[in-house]
């Protein structure tokens, strides 16, 4: 079985060594970059399966690196886990708003890191091999083509991160079904966040910004107060 390639972008040598040692031991191939610029150069020429991205970097910071990734059609779907310092809430929110699929606060547990990497890679692989016999979902101006993993509004492609796409697809294939935030965390992220549901809210906000004409009065993604979210067909 071909080993998955993980790119780590972090300017702290001891963090890089820790990540490389444990991920290599777990069966992954690890490529290291100590700056955002170097990481983006690697992504231009190398097929990477997952990115571990430090938020605080010299020069181009992690948020800017993530922005460039999410606006590039070539690598926009790359699974990204942000590494944030000291659990700073602003770093987490910014990362999620820019399209990070997950985040970990330093210092982090290696076991938790490995679990999150495994969960994200597993869902990414399932997304790539799953075949949808239907041509797609057509609702108003919105089209979701699951075979091509493409979302368009009036025929114009919409760039979504892996988790944004998975969240939209789950809700769109179950119209008017109300999902709690906890259910969405479990089904999309694959594990419990110990009560942290802001991740879902940020991803829904991102989707509304990308899909809705007026995010404050959504046509598709509706909030069910005190419960969660539903997709209205």
Foldseek 3Di string as FASTA:
>chain_A
DDAAEEEEEAQDVVVVVVVCVLVVVVRHHYDYHDALVVVVVCVVPDDHQAYEAEQDHPDDGRLNSLLVQCPDPVRNQRAYEYEYEPPDPVSVLSCLLSAHPYYDYPPDDPVVVVVQVVQVSVLVVCQQPDADPDCFDDDQQWTQGSRVRFIDGVNHTFRHYNLLSVLVVVQSVVAPDFAFLQRSCCVRSVDGPPPDSVSVVSSLLSNLVRHAPDSVDGDFWDADPPGGIHGHD
